[in-house]
Amino acid sequence: VDHSIRKVYNGYNGTNPDAASRAIDYVQRQLRCCGIHNYSDWE
């Protein structure tokens, strides 16, 4: 997970979500989390 998660977050496309982007949104809602370590990672 540590090896892959940054690549997944960096490939996020909120305007036209692909499967990976939907996976991020699903995980953040389901697990009630934001970012890799915290919300500031999105910057």
PDB file of all heavy atoms in Angstrom:
ATOM      1  N   VAL A   1       0.832  -1.201   0.000  1.00  0.00           N
ATOM      2  CA  VAL A   1       0.000   0.000   0.000  1.00  0.00           C
ATOM      3  C   VAL A   1       0.867   1.252   0.000  1.00  0.00           C
ATOM      4  O   VAL A   1       0.604   2.219  -0.723  1.00  0.00           O
ATOM      5  CB  VAL A   1      -0.956   0.004   1.210  1.00  0.00           C
ATOM      6  CG1 VAL A   1      -1.693   1.344   1.307  1.00  0.00           C
ATOM      7  CG2 VAL A   1      -1.965  -1.135   1.095  1.00  0.00           C
ATOM      8  N   ASP A   2       1.933   1.241   0.813  1.00  0.00           N
ATOM      9  CA  ASP A   2       2.836   2.385   0.874  1.00  0.00           C
ATOM     10  C   ASP A   2       3.486   2.657  -0.484  1.00  0.00           C
ATOM     11  O   ASP A   2       3.717   3.810  -0.856  1.00  0.00           O
ATOM     12  CB  ASP A   2       3.913   2.119   1.933  1.00  0.00           C
ATOM     13  CG  ASP A   2       4.853   3.305   2.107  1.00  0.00           C
ATOM     14  OD1 ASP A   2       4.373   4.385   2.516  1.00  0.00           O
ATOM     15  OD2 ASP A   2       6.062   3.172   1.825  1.00  0.00           O
ATOM     16  N   HIS A   3       3.733   1.587  -1.233  1.00  0.00           N
ATOM     17  CA  HIS A   3       4.374   1.723  -2.546  1.00  0.00           C
ATOM     18  C   HIS A   3       3.421   2.283  -3.598  1.00  0.00           C
ATOM     19  O   HIS A   3       3.840   2.978  -4.532  1.00  0.00           O
ATOM     20  CB  HIS A   3       4.900   0.348  -2.991  1.00  0.00           C
ATOM     21  CG  HIS A   3       5.531   0.350  -4.343  1.00  0.00           C
ATOM     22  ND1 HIS A   3       4.843  -0.024  -5.488  1.00  0.00           N
ATOM     23  CD2 HIS A   3       6.772   0.699  -4.754  1.00  0.00           C
ATOM     24  CE1 HIS A   3       5.648   0.085  -6.527  1.00  0.00           C
ATOM     25  NE2 HIS A   3       6.820   0.516  -6.121  1.00  0.00           N
ATOM     26  N   SER A   4       2.124   2.008  -3.455  1.00  0.00           N
ATOM     27  CA  SER A   4       1.161   2.334  -4.512  1.00  0.00           C
ATOM     28  C   SER A   4       0.306   3.561  -4.246  1.00  0.00           C
ATOM     29  O   SER A   4      -0.176   4.187  -5.181  1.00  0.00           O
ATOM     30  CB  SER A   4       0.232   1.127  -4.753  1.00  0.00           C
ATOM     31  OG  SER A   4       0.967  -0.026  -5.062  1.00  0.00           O
ATOM     32  N   ILE A   5       0.108   3.909  -2.991  1.00  0.00           N
ATOM     33  CA  ILE A   5      -0.930   4.891  -2.662  1.00  0.00           C
ATOM     34  C   ILE A   5      -0.629   6.288  -3.204  1.00  0.00           C
ATOM     35  O   ILE A   5      -1.525   6.997  -3.653  1.00  0.00           O
ATOM     36  CB  ILE A   5      -1.181   4.931  -1.135  1.00  0.00           C
ATOM     37  CG1 ILE A   5      -2.505   5.653  -0.852  1.00  0.00           C
ATOM     38  CG2 ILE A   5      -0.002   5.552  -0.397  1.00  0.00           C
ATOM     39  CD1 ILE A   5      -2.984   5.473   0.572  1.00  0.00           C
ATOM     40  N   ARG A   6       0.633   6.695  -3.214  1.00  0.00           N
ATOM     41  CA  ARG A   6       0.973   8.028  -3.736  1.00  0.00           C
ATOM     42  C   ARG A   6       0.673   8.117  -5.231  1.00  0.00           C
ATOM     43  O   ARG A   6       0.191   9.142  -5.716  1.00  0.00           O
ATOM     44  CB  ARG A   6       2.446   8.339  -3.468  1.00  0.00           C
ATOM     45  CG  ARG A   6       2.750   8.555  -1.997  1.00  0.00           C
ATOM     46  CD  ARG A   6       4.175   9.047  -1.773  1.00  0.00           C
ATOM     47  NE  ARG A   6       4.432   9.209  -0.355  1.00  0.00           N
ATOM     48  CZ  ARG A   6       4.080  10.274   0.350  1.00  0.00           C
ATOM     49  NH1 ARG A   6       3.467  11.278  -0.259  1.00  0.00           N
ATOM     50  NH2 ARG A   6       4.337  10.347   1.638  1.00  0.00           N
ATOM     51  N   LYS A   7       0.964   7.038  -5.946  1.00  0.00           N
ATOM     52  CA  LYS A   7       0.698   7.016  -7.382  1.00  0.00           C
ATOM     53  C   LYS A   7      -0.806   7.143  -7.646  1.00  0.00           C
ATOM     54  O   LYS A   7      -1.233   7.851  -8.569  1.00  0.00           O
ATOM     55  CB  LYS A   7       1.226   5.706  -7.972  1.00  0.00           C
ATOM     56  CG  LYS A   7       1.121   5.619  -9.487  1.00  0.00           C
ATOM     57  CD  LYS A   7       1.458   4.213  -9.978  1.00  0.00           C
ATOM     58  CE  LYS A   7       2.865   3.811  -9.561  1.00  0.00           C
ATOM     59  NZ  LYS A   7       3.199   2.462 -10.089  1.00  0.00           N
ATOM     60  N   VAL A   8      -1.614   6.468  -6.839  1.00  0.00           N
ATOM     61  CA  VAL A   8      -3.065   6.511  -7.010  1.00  0.00           C
ATOM     62  C   VAL A   8      -3.597   7.914  -6.732  1.00  0.00           C
ATOM     63  O   VAL A   8      -4.396   8.456  -7.495  1.00  0.00           O
ATOM     64  CB  VAL A   8      -3.760   5.488  -6.083  1.00  0.00           C
ATOM     65  CG1 VAL A   8      -5.268   5.580  -6.226  1.00  0.00           C
ATOM     66  CG2 VAL A   8      -3.289   4.071  -6.406  1.00  0.00           C
ATOM     67  N   TYR A   9      -3.134   8.518  -5.641  1.00  0.00           N
ATOM     68  CA  TYR A   9      -3.602   9.867  -5.285  1.00  0.00           C
ATOM     69  C   TYR A   9      -3.150  10.894  -6.318  1.00  0.00           C
ATOM     70  O   TYR A   9      -3.885  11.830  -6.638  1.00  0.00           O
ATOM     71  CB  TYR A   9      -3.097  10.255  -3.895  1.00  0.00           C
ATOM     72  CG  TYR A   9      -4.085   9.930  -2.799  1.00  0.00           C
ATOM     73  CD1 TYR A   9      -4.163   8.652  -2.268  1.00  0.00           C
ATOM     74  CD2 TYR A   9      -4.961  10.895  -2.311  1.00  0.00           C
ATOM     75  CE1 TYR A   9      -5.080   8.339  -1.272  1.00  0.00           C
ATOM     76  CE2 TYR A   9      -5.879  10.596  -1.319  1.00  0.00           C
ATOM     77  CZ  TYR A   9      -5.933   9.316  -0.805  1.00  0.00           C
ATOM     78  OH  TYR A   9      -6.846   9.017   0.171  1.00  0.00           O
ATOM     79  N   ASN A  10      -1.953  10.712  -6.839  1.00  0.00           N
ATOM     80  CA  ASN A  10      -1.443  11.679  -7.806  1.00  0.00           C
ATOM     81  C   ASN A  10      -2.155  11.564  -9.146  1.00  0.00           C
ATOM     82  O   ASN A  10      -2.129  12.489  -9.953  1.00  0.00           O
ATOM     83  CB  ASN A  10       0.068  11.486  -8.010  1.00  0.00           C
ATOM     84  CG  ASN A  10       0.765  12.770  -8.416  1.00  0.00           C
ATOM     85  OD1 ASN A  10       0.498  13.840  -7.857  1.00  0.00           O
ATOM     86  ND2 ASN A  10       1.648  12.683  -9.395  1.00  0.00           N
ATOM     87  N   GLY A  11      -2.810  10.413  -9.381  1.00  0.00           N
ATOM     88  CA  GLY A  11      -3.551  10.227 -10.625  1.00  0.00           C
ATOM     89  C   GLY A  11      -5.022  10.579 -10.502  1.00  0.00           C
ATOM     90  O   GLY A  11      -5.786  10.363 -11.443  1.00  0.00           O
ATOM     91  N   TYR A  12      -5.406  11.158  -9.372  1.00  0.00           N
ATOM     92  CA  TYR A  12      -6.813  11.514  -9.146  1.00  0.00           C
ATOM     93  C   TYR A  12      -7.267  12.569 -10.145  1.00  0.00           C
ATOM     94  O   TYR A  12      -6.567  13.527 -10.428  1.00  0.00           O
ATOM     95  CB  TYR A  12      -6.987  12.032  -7.723  1.00  0.00           C
ATOM     96  CG  TYR A  12      -8.420  12.356  -7.346  1.00  0.00           C
ATOM     97  CD1 TYR A  12      -9.279  11.365  -6.901  1.00  0.00           C
ATOM     98  CD2 TYR A  12      -8.908  13.664  -7.444  1.00  0.00           C
ATOM     99  CE1 TYR A  12     -10.592  11.659  -6.554  1.00  0.00           C
ATOM    100  CE2 TYR A  12     -10.217  13.961  -7.100  1.00  0.00           C
ATOM    101  CZ  TYR A  12     -11.055  12.958  -6.658  1.00  0.00           C
ATOM    102  OH  TYR A  12     -12.346  13.249  -6.307  1.00  0.00           O
ATOM    103  N   ASN A  13      -8.481  12.363 -10.690  1.00  0.00           N
ATOM    104  CA  ASN A  13      -9.045  13.303 -11.649  1.00  0.00           C
ATOM    105  C   ASN A  13     -10.497  13.549 -11.269  1.00  0.00           C
ATOM    106  O   ASN A  13     -11.389  12.782 -11.620  1.00  0.00           O
ATOM    107  CB  ASN A  13      -8.940  12.735 -13.071  1.00  0.00           C
ATOM    108  CG  ASN A  13      -9.414  13.715 -14.127  1.00  0.00           C
ATOM    109  OD1 ASN A  13     -10.044  14.723 -13.817  1.00  0.00           O
ATOM    110  ND2 ASN A  13      -9.106  13.409 -15.381  1.00  0.00           N
ATOM    111  N   GLY A  14     -10.734  14.606 -10.534  1.00  0.00           N
ATOM    112  CA  GLY A  14     -12.055  14.859  -9.981  1.00  0.00           C
ATOM    113  C   GLY A  14     -13.095  15.278 -10.987  1.00  0.00           C
ATOM    114  O   GLY A  14     -14.299  15.103 -10.760  1.00  0.00           O
ATOM    115  N   THR A  15     -12.672  15.850 -12.122  1.00  0.00           N
ATOM    116  CA  THR A  15     -13.640  16.343 -13.097  1.00  0.00           C
ATOM    117  C   THR A  15     -14.190  15.217 -13.968  1.00  0.00           C
ATOM    118  O   THR A  15     -15.325  15.264 -14.413  1.00  0.00           O
ATOM    119  CB  THR A  15     -12.989  17.404 -14.008  1.00  0.00           C
ATOM    120  OG1 THR A  15     -11.816  16.833 -14.627  1.00  0.00           O
ATOM    121  CG2 THR A  15     -12.582  18.616 -13.188  1.00  0.00           C
ATOM    122  N   ASN A  16     -13.375  14.211 -14.234  1.00  0.00           N
ATOM    123  CA  ASN A  16     -13.812  13.068 -15.033  1.00  0.00           C
ATOM    124  C   ASN A  16     -13.263  11.803 -14.377  1.00  0.00           C
ATOM    125  O   ASN A  16     -12.301  11.217 -14.850  1.00  0.00           O
ATOM    126  CB  ASN A  16     -13.299  13.193 -16.474  1.00  0.00           C
ATOM    127  CG  ASN A  16     -13.807  12.078 -17.356  1.00  0.00           C
ATOM    128  OD1 ASN A  16     -14.825  11.470 -17.068  1.00  0.00           O
ATOM    129  ND2 ASN A  16     -13.075  11.795 -18.427  1.00  0.00           N
ATOM    130  N   PRO A  17     -13.872  11.405 -13.266  1.00  0.00           N
ATOM    131  CA  PRO A  17     -13.282  10.336 -12.444  1.00  0.00           C
ATOM    132  C   PRO A  17     -13.142   9.008 -13.189  1.00  0.00           C
ATOM    133  O   PRO A  17     -14.091   8.545 -13.814  1.00  0.00           O
ATOM    134  CB  PRO A  17     -14.268  10.203 -11.279  1.00  0.00           C
ATOM    135  CG  PRO A  17     -15.079  11.450 -11.292  1.00  0.00           C
ATOM    136  CD  PRO A  17     -15.126  11.875 -12.719  1.00  0.00           C
ATOM    137  N   ASP A  18     -11.961   8.431 -13.131  1.00  0.00           N
ATOM    138  CA  ASP A  18     -11.772   7.071 -13.626  1.00  0.00           C
ATOM    139  C   ASP A  18     -11.937   6.105 -12.461  1.00  0.00           C
ATOM    140  O   ASP A  18     -12.332   6.492 -11.366  1.00  0.00           O
ATOM    141  CB  ASP A  18     -10.387   6.932 -14.285  1.00  0.00           C
ATOM    142  CG  ASP A  18      -9.266   7.362 -13.346  1.00  0.00           C
ATOM    143  OD1 ASP A  18      -9.528   7.509 -12.124  1.00  0.00           O
ATOM    144  OD2 ASP A  18      -8.139   7.547 -13.816  1.00  0.00           O
ATOM    145  N   ALA A  19     -11.620   4.838 -12.688  1.00  0.00           N
ATOM    146  CA  ALA A  19     -11.834   3.825 -11.658  1.00  0.00           C
ATOM    147  C   ALA A  19     -10.996   4.110 -10.412  1.00  0.00           C
ATOM    148  O   ALA A  19     -11.463   3.955  -9.282  1.00  0.00           O
ATOM    149  CB  ALA A  19     -11.502   2.444 -12.213  1.00  0.00           C
ATOM    150  N   ALA A  20      -9.737   4.535 -10.619  1.00  0.00           N
ATOM    151  CA  ALA A  20      -8.862   4.817  -9.485  1.00  0.00           C
ATOM    152  C   ALA A  20      -9.385   6.000  -8.669  1.00  0.00           C
ATOM    153  O   ALA A  20      -9.332   5.993  -7.432  1.00  0.00           O
ATOM    154  CB  ALA A  20      -7.435   5.093  -9.972  1.00  0.00           C
ATOM    155  N   SER A  21      -9.897   7.018  -9.367  1.00  0.00           N
ATOM    156  CA  SER A  21     -10.438   8.191  -8.670  1.00  0.00           C
ATOM    157  C   SER A  21     -11.680   7.825  -7.869  1.00  0.00           C
ATOM    158  O   SER A  21     -11.859   8.278  -6.733  1.00  0.00           O
ATOM    159  CB  SER A  21     -10.770   9.297  -9.676  1.00  0.00           C
ATOM    160  OG  SER A  21      -9.605   9.709 -10.376  1.00  0.00           O
ATOM    161  N   ARG A  22     -12.530   6.996  -8.459  1.00  0.00           N
ATOM    162  CA  ARG A  22     -13.707   6.536  -7.723  1.00  0.00           C
ATOM    163  C   ARG A  22     -13.309   5.718  -6.505  1.00  0.00           C
ATOM    164  O   ARG A  22     -13.963   5.773  -5.459  1.00  0.00           O
ATOM    165  CB  ARG A  22     -14.619   5.709  -8.640  1.00  0.00           C
ATOM    166  CG  ARG A  22     -15.335   6.533  -9.707  1.00  0.00           C
ATOM    167  CD  ARG A  22     -16.485   5.756 -10.325  1.00  0.00           C
ATOM    168  NE  ARG A  22     -16.025   4.526 -10.973  1.00  0.00           N
ATOM    169  CZ  ARG A  22     -15.622   4.459 -12.243  1.00  0.00           C
ATOM    170  NH1 ARG A  22     -15.620   5.562 -12.998  1.00  0.00           N
ATOM    171  NH2 ARG A  22     -15.243   3.319 -12.765  1.00  0.00           N
ATOM    172  N   ALA A  23     -12.206   4.960  -6.650  1.00  0.00           N
ATOM    173  CA  ALA A  23     -11.726   4.159  -5.521  1.00  0.00           C
ATOM    174  C   ALA A  23     -11.283   5.055  -4.370  1.00  0.00           C
ATOM    175  O   ALA A  23     -11.552   4.757  -3.198  1.00  0.00           O
ATOM    176  CB  ALA A  23     -10.570   3.261  -5.971  1.00  0.00           C
ATOM    177  N   ILE A  24     -10.622   6.165  -4.688  1.00  0.00           N
ATOM    178  CA  ILE A  24     -10.181   7.103  -3.648  1.00  0.00           C
ATOM    179  C   ILE A  24     -11.390   7.706  -2.934  1.00  0.00           C
ATOM    180  O   ILE A  24     -11.442   7.757  -1.703  1.00  0.00           O
ATOM    181  CB  ILE A  24      -9.295   8.208  -4.249  1.00  0.00           C
ATOM    182  CG1 ILE A  24      -7.949   7.630  -4.674  1.00  0.00           C
ATOM    183  CG2 ILE A  24      -9.085   9.347  -3.234  1.00  0.00           C
ATOM    184  CD1 ILE A  24      -7.047   8.622  -5.367  1.00  0.00           C
ATOM    185  N   ASP A  25     -12.356   8.178  -3.714  1.00  0.00           N
ATOM    186  CA  ASP A  25     -13.555   8.764  -3.101  1.00  0.00           C
ATOM    187  C   ASP A  25     -14.289   7.736  -2.243  1.00  0.00           C
ATOM    188  O   ASP A  25     -14.780   8.055  -1.151  1.00  0.00           O
ATOM    189  CB  ASP A  25     -14.495   9.305  -4.188  1.00  0.00           C
ATOM    190  CG  ASP A  25     -13.961  10.592  -4.812  1.00  0.00           C
ATOM    191  OD1 ASP A  25     -13.269  11.357  -4.108  1.00  0.00           O
ATOM    192  OD2 ASP A  25     -14.227  10.827  -6.006  1.00  0.00           O
ATOM    193  N   TYR A  26     -14.367   6.500  -2.737  1.00  0.00           N
ATOM    194  CA  TYR A  26     -15.036   5.442  -1.971  1.00  0.00           C
ATOM    195  C   TYR A  26     -14.318   5.197  -0.646  1.00  0.00           C
ATOM    196  O   TYR A  26     -14.957   5.137   0.412  1.00  0.00           O
ATOM    197  CB  TYR A  26     -15.078   4.149  -2.780  1.00  0.00           C
ATOM    198  CG  TYR A  26     -15.585   2.964  -1.986  1.00  0.00           C
ATOM    199  CD1 TYR A  26     -16.952   2.727  -1.848  1.00  0.00           C
ATOM    200  CD2 TYR A  26     -14.698   2.087  -1.363  1.00  0.00           C
ATOM    201  CE1 TYR A  26     -17.420   1.654  -1.119  1.00  0.00           C
ATOM    202  CE2 TYR A  26     -15.158   1.006  -0.614  1.00  0.00           C
ATOM    203  CZ  TYR A  26     -16.514   0.801  -0.500  1.00  0.00           C
ATOM    204  OH  TYR A  26     -16.969  -0.264   0.254  1.00  0.00           O
ATOM    205  N   VAL A  27     -13.004   5.064  -0.709  1.00  0.00           N
ATOM    206  CA  VAL A  27     -12.221   4.769   0.498  1.00  0.00           C
ATOM    207  C   VAL A  27     -12.325   5.911   1.499  1.00  0.00           C
ATOM    208  O   VAL A  27     -12.491   5.686   2.712  1.00  0.00           O
ATOM    209  CB  VAL A  27     -10.747   4.494   0.131  1.00  0.00           C
ATOM    210  CG1 VAL A  27      -9.851   4.543   1.368  1.00  0.00           C
ATOM    211  CG2 VAL A  27     -10.618   3.137  -0.551  1.00  0.00           C
ATOM    212  N   GLN A  28     -12.251   7.159   1.018  1.00  0.00           N
ATOM    213  CA  GLN A  28     -12.300   8.302   1.934  1.00  0.00           C
ATOM    214  C   GLN A  28     -13.655   8.387   2.630  1.00  0.00           C
ATOM    215  O   GLN A  28     -13.722   8.720   3.815  1.00  0.00           O
ATOM    216  CB  GLN A  28     -11.966   9.591   1.183  1.00  0.00           C
ATOM    217  CG  GLN A  28     -10.503   9.643   0.755  1.00  0.00           C
ATOM    218  CD  GLN A  28     -10.071  11.007   0.242  1.00  0.00           C
ATOM    219  OE1 GLN A  28      -8.916  11.380   0.365  1.00  0.00           O
ATOM    220  NE2 GLN A  28     -10.981  11.770  -0.335  1.00  0.00           N
ATOM    221  N   ARG A  29     -14.716   8.088   1.897  1.00  0.00           N
ATOM    222  CA  ARG A  29     -16.045   8.099   2.527  1.00  0.00           C
ATOM    223  C   ARG A  29     -16.232   6.891   3.447  1.00  0.00           C
ATOM    224  O   ARG A  29     -16.756   7.017   4.555  1.00  0.00           O
ATOM    225  CB  ARG A  29     -17.139   8.105   1.451  1.00  0.00           C
ATOM    226  CG  ARG A  29     -17.249   9.405   0.681  1.00  0.00           C
ATOM    227  CD  ARG A  29     -18.530   9.447  -0.135  1.00  0.00           C
ATOM    228  NE  ARG A  29     -18.658  10.703  -0.871  1.00  0.00           N
ATOM    229  CZ  ARG A  29     -18.337  10.857  -2.148  1.00  0.00           C
ATOM    230  NH1 ARG A  29     -17.853   9.845  -2.835  1.00  0.00           N
ATOM    231  NH2 ARG A  29     -18.477  12.026  -2.743  1.00  0.00           N
ATOM    232  N   GLN A  30     -15.826   5.728   2.969  1.00  0.00           N
ATOM    233  CA  GLN A  30     -16.061   4.498   3.706  1.00  0.00           C
ATOM    234  C   GLN A  30     -15.243   4.437   4.994  1.00  0.00           C
ATOM    235  O   GLN A  30     -15.753   4.032   6.046  1.00  0.00           O
ATOM    236  CB  GLN A  30     -15.727   3.295   2.812  1.00  0.00           C
ATOM    237  CG  GLN A  30     -16.157   1.950   3.370  1.00  0.00           C
ATOM    238  CD  GLN A  30     -17.648   1.737   3.257  1.00  0.00           C
ATOM    239  OE1 GLN A  30     -18.340   2.486   2.575  1.00  0.00           O
ATOM    240  NE2 GLN A  30     -18.158   0.716   3.927  1.00  0.00           N
ATOM    241  N   LEU A  31     -13.977   4.835   4.908  1.00  0.00           N
ATOM    242  CA  LEU A  31     -13.087   4.756   6.069  1.00  0.00           C
ATOM    243  C   LEU A  31     -13.013   6.069   6.845  1.00  0.00           C
ATOM    244  O   LEU A  31     -12.327   6.151   7.861  1.00  0.00           O
ATOM    245  CB  LEU A  31     -11.674   4.344   5.624  1.00  0.00           C
ATOM    246  CG  LEU A  31     -11.571   2.995   4.896  1.00  0.00           C
ATOM    247  CD1 LEU A  31     -10.117   2.684   4.574  1.00  0.00           C
ATOM    248  CD2 LEU A  31     -12.188   1.877   5.723  1.00  0.00           C
ATOM    249  N   ARG A  32     -13.695   7.097   6.329  1.00  0.00           N
ATOM    250  CA  ARG A  32     -13.727   8.416   6.973  1.00  0.00           C
ATOM    251  C   ARG A  32     -12.306   8.961   7.192  1.00  0.00           C
ATOM    252  O   ARG A  32     -11.881   9.243   8.302  1.00  0.00           O
ATOM    253  CB  ARG A  32     -14.486   8.325   8.303  1.00  0.00           C
ATOM    254  CG  ARG A  32     -15.916   7.863   8.122  1.00  0.00           C
ATOM    255  CD  ARG A  32     -16.750   7.972   9.369  1.00  0.00           C
ATOM    256  NE  ARG A  32     -18.134   7.611   9.101  1.00  0.00           N
ATOM    257  CZ  ARG A  32     -19.134   7.745   9.971  1.00  0.00           C
ATOM    258  NH1 ARG A  32     -18.885   8.243  11.169  1.00  0.00           N
ATOM    259  NH2 ARG A  32     -20.353   7.402   9.637  1.00  0.00           N
ATOM    260  N   CYS A  33     -11.627   9.111   6.059  1.00  0.00           N
ATOM    261  CA  CYS A  33     -10.247   9.593   6.090  1.00  0.00           C
ATOM    262  C   CYS A  33     -10.065  10.590   4.950  1.00  0.00           C
ATOM    263  O   CYS A  33     -10.943  10.754   4.096  1.00  0.00           O
ATOM    264  CB  CYS A  33      -9.264   8.431   5.944  1.00  0.00           C
ATOM    265  SG  CYS A  33      -9.516   7.441   4.432  1.00  0.00           S
ATOM    266  N   CYS A  34      -8.916  11.239   4.929  1.00  0.00           N
ATOM    267  CA  CYS A  34      -8.637  12.232   3.892  1.00  0.00           C
ATOM    268  C   CYS A  34      -7.142  12.296   3.655  1.00  0.00           C
ATOM    269  O   CYS A  34      -6.365  12.511   4.602  1.00  0.00           O
ATOM    270  CB  CYS A  34      -9.171  13.604   4.310  1.00  0.00           C
ATOM    271  SG  CYS A  34      -8.959  14.893   3.049  1.00  0.00           S
ATOM    272  N   GLY A  35      -6.715  12.129   2.409  1.00  0.00           N
ATOM    273  CA  GLY A  35      -5.299  12.166   2.093  1.00  0.00           C
ATOM    274  C   GLY A  35      -4.587  10.883   2.489  1.00  0.00           C
ATOM    275  O   GLY A  35      -5.202   9.921   2.946  1.00  0.00           O
ATOM    276  N   ILE A  36      -3.275  10.897   2.326  1.00  0.00           N
ATOM    277  CA  ILE A  36      -2.476   9.715   2.655  1.00  0.00           C
ATOM    278  C   ILE A  36      -2.230   9.636   4.156  1.00  0.00           C
ATOM    279  O   ILE A  36      -2.535   8.628   4.803  1.00  0.00           O
ATOM    280  CB  ILE A  36      -1.149   9.736   1.875  1.00  0.00           C
ATOM    281  CG1 ILE A  36      -1.435   9.731   0.364  1.00  0.00           C
ATOM    282  CG2 ILE A  36      -0.283   8.534   2.260  1.00  0.00           C
ATOM    283  CD1 ILE A  36      -0.217   9.946  -0.491  1.00  0.00           C
ATOM    284  N   HIS A  37      -1.678  10.719   4.702  1.00  0.00           N
ATOM    285  CA  HIS A  37      -1.445  10.792   6.149  1.00  0.00           C
ATOM    286  C   HIS A  37      -2.416  11.768   6.816  1.00  0.00           C
ATOM    287  O   HIS A  37      -2.796  11.600   7.963  1.00  0.00           O
ATOM    288  CB  HIS A  37       0.003  11.201   6.441  1.00  0.00           C
ATOM    289  CG  HIS A  37       1.013  10.255   5.843  1.00  0.00           C
ATOM    290  ND1 HIS A  37       1.737  10.567   4.713  1.00  0.00           N
ATOM    291  CD2 HIS A  37       1.397   9.009   6.209  1.00  0.00           C
ATOM    292  CE1 HIS A  37       2.535   9.555   4.411  1.00  0.00           C
ATOM    293  NE2 HIS A  37       2.335   8.598   5.292  1.00  0.00           N
ATOM    294  N   ASN A  38      -2.818  12.809   6.078  1.00  0.00           N
ATOM    295  CA  ASN A  38      -3.858  13.748   6.509  1.00  0.00           C
ATOM    296  C   ASN A  38      -4.270  14.568   5.291  1.00  0.00           C
ATOM    297  O   ASN A  38      -3.720  14.398   4.204  1.00  0.00           O
ATOM    298  CB  ASN A  38      -3.386  14.650   7.670  1.00  0.00           C
ATOM    299  CG  ASN A  38      -2.091  15.376   7.339  1.00  0.00           C
ATOM    300  OD1 ASN A  38      -2.021  16.118   6.356  1.00  0.00           O
ATOM    301  ND2 ASN A  38      -1.057  15.140   8.130  1.00  0.00           N
ATOM    302  N   TYR A  39      -5.231  15.462   5.463  1.00  0.00           N
ATOM    303  CA  TYR A  39      -5.782  16.201   4.317  1.00  0.00           C
ATOM    304  C   TYR A  39      -4.754  17.083   3.606  1.00  0.00           C
ATOM    305  O   TYR A  39      -4.909  17.421   2.435  1.00  0.00           O
ATOM    306  CB  TYR A  39      -6.975  17.052   4.747  1.00  0.00           C
ATOM    307  CG  TYR A  39      -6.698  18.018   5.871  1.00  0.00           C
ATOM    308  CD1 TYR A  39      -6.062  19.232   5.631  1.00  0.00           C
ATOM    309  CD2 TYR A  39      -7.083  17.725   7.180  1.00  0.00           C
ATOM    310  CE1 TYR A  39      -5.811  20.125   6.660  1.00  0.00           C
ATOM    311  CE2 TYR A  39      -6.836  18.608   8.211  1.00  0.00           C
ATOM    312  CZ  TYR A  39      -6.190  19.811   7.953  1.00  0.00           C
ATOM    313  OH  TYR A  39      -5.930  20.697   8.970  1.00  0.00           O
ATOM    314  N   SER A  40      -3.674  17.465   4.297  1.00  0.00           N
ATOM    315  CA  SER A  40      -2.672  18.352   3.669  1.00  0.00           C
ATOM    316  C   SER A  40      -1.930  17.659   2.528  1.00  0.00           C
ATOM    317  O   SER A  40      -1.315  18.332   1.689  1.00  0.00           O
ATOM    318  CB  SER A  40      -1.680  18.854   4.716  1.00  0.00           C
ATOM    319  OG  SER A  40      -0.922  17.781   5.246  1.00  0.00           O
ATOM    320  N   ASP A  41      -1.984  16.323   2.466  1.00  0.00           N
ATOM    321  CA  ASP A  41      -1.310  15.605   1.377  1.00  0.00           C
ATOM    322  C   ASP A  41      -1.904  15.951   0.017  1.00  0.00           C
ATOM    323  O   ASP A  41      -1.230  15.825  -1.007  1.00  0.00           O
ATOM    324  CB  ASP A  41      -1.415  14.083   1.600  1.00  0.00           C
ATOM    325  CG  ASP A  41      -0.594  13.614   2.790  1.00  0.00           C
ATOM    326  OD1 ASP A  41       0.508  14.132   2.978  1.00  0.00           O
ATOM    327  OD2 ASP A  41      -1.073  12.733   3.528  1.00  0.00           O
ATOM    328  N   TRP A  42      -3.169  16.379   0.000  1.00  0.00           N
ATOM    329  CA  TRP A  42      -3.794  16.725  -1.274  1.00  0.00           C
ATOM    330  C   TRP A  42      -3.108  17.922  -1.940  1.00  0.00           C
ATOM    331  O   TRP A  42      -3.159  18.065  -3.163  1.00  0.00           O
ATOM    332  CB  TRP A  42      -5.276  17.046  -1.061  1.00  0.00           C
ATOM    333  CG  TRP A  42      -6.135  15.818  -1.025  1.00  0.00           C
ATOM    334  CD1 TRP A  42      -6.683  15.217   0.061  1.00  0.00           C
ATOM    335  CD2 TRP A  42      -6.523  15.033  -2.151  1.00  0.00           C
ATOM    336  NE1 TRP A  42      -7.396  14.106  -0.307  1.00  0.00           N
ATOM    337  CE2 TRP A  42      -7.320  13.969  -1.661  1.00  0.00           C
ATOM    338  CE3 TRP A  42      -6.283  15.120  -3.524  1.00  0.00           C
ATOM    339  CZ2 TRP A  42      -7.871  13.010  -2.507  1.00  0.00           C
ATOM    340  CZ3 TRP A  42      -6.840  14.176  -4.362  1.00  0.00           C
ATOM    341  CH2 TRP A  42      -7.620  13.119  -3.850  1.00  0.00           C
ATOM    342  N   GLU A  43      -2.434  18.769  -1.161  1.00  0.00           N
ATOM    343  CA  GLU A  43      -1.775  19.944  -1.726  1.00  0.00           C
ATOM    344  C   GLU A  43      -0.640  19.578  -2.676  1.00  0.00           C
ATOM    345  O   GLU A  43      -0.233  20.388  -3.511  1.00  0.00           O
ATOM    346  CB  GLU A  43      -1.242  20.828  -0.598  1.00  0.00           C
ATOM    347  CG  GLU A  43      -2.327  21.384   0.314  1.00  0.00           C
ATOM    348  CD  GLU A  43      -1.752  22.262   1.411  1.00  0.00           C
ATOM    349  OE1 GLU A  43      -1.010  23.212   1.083  1.00  0.00           O
ATOM    350  OE2 GLU A  43      -2.021  21.982   2.599  1.00  0.00           O
TER     351      GLU A  43
END
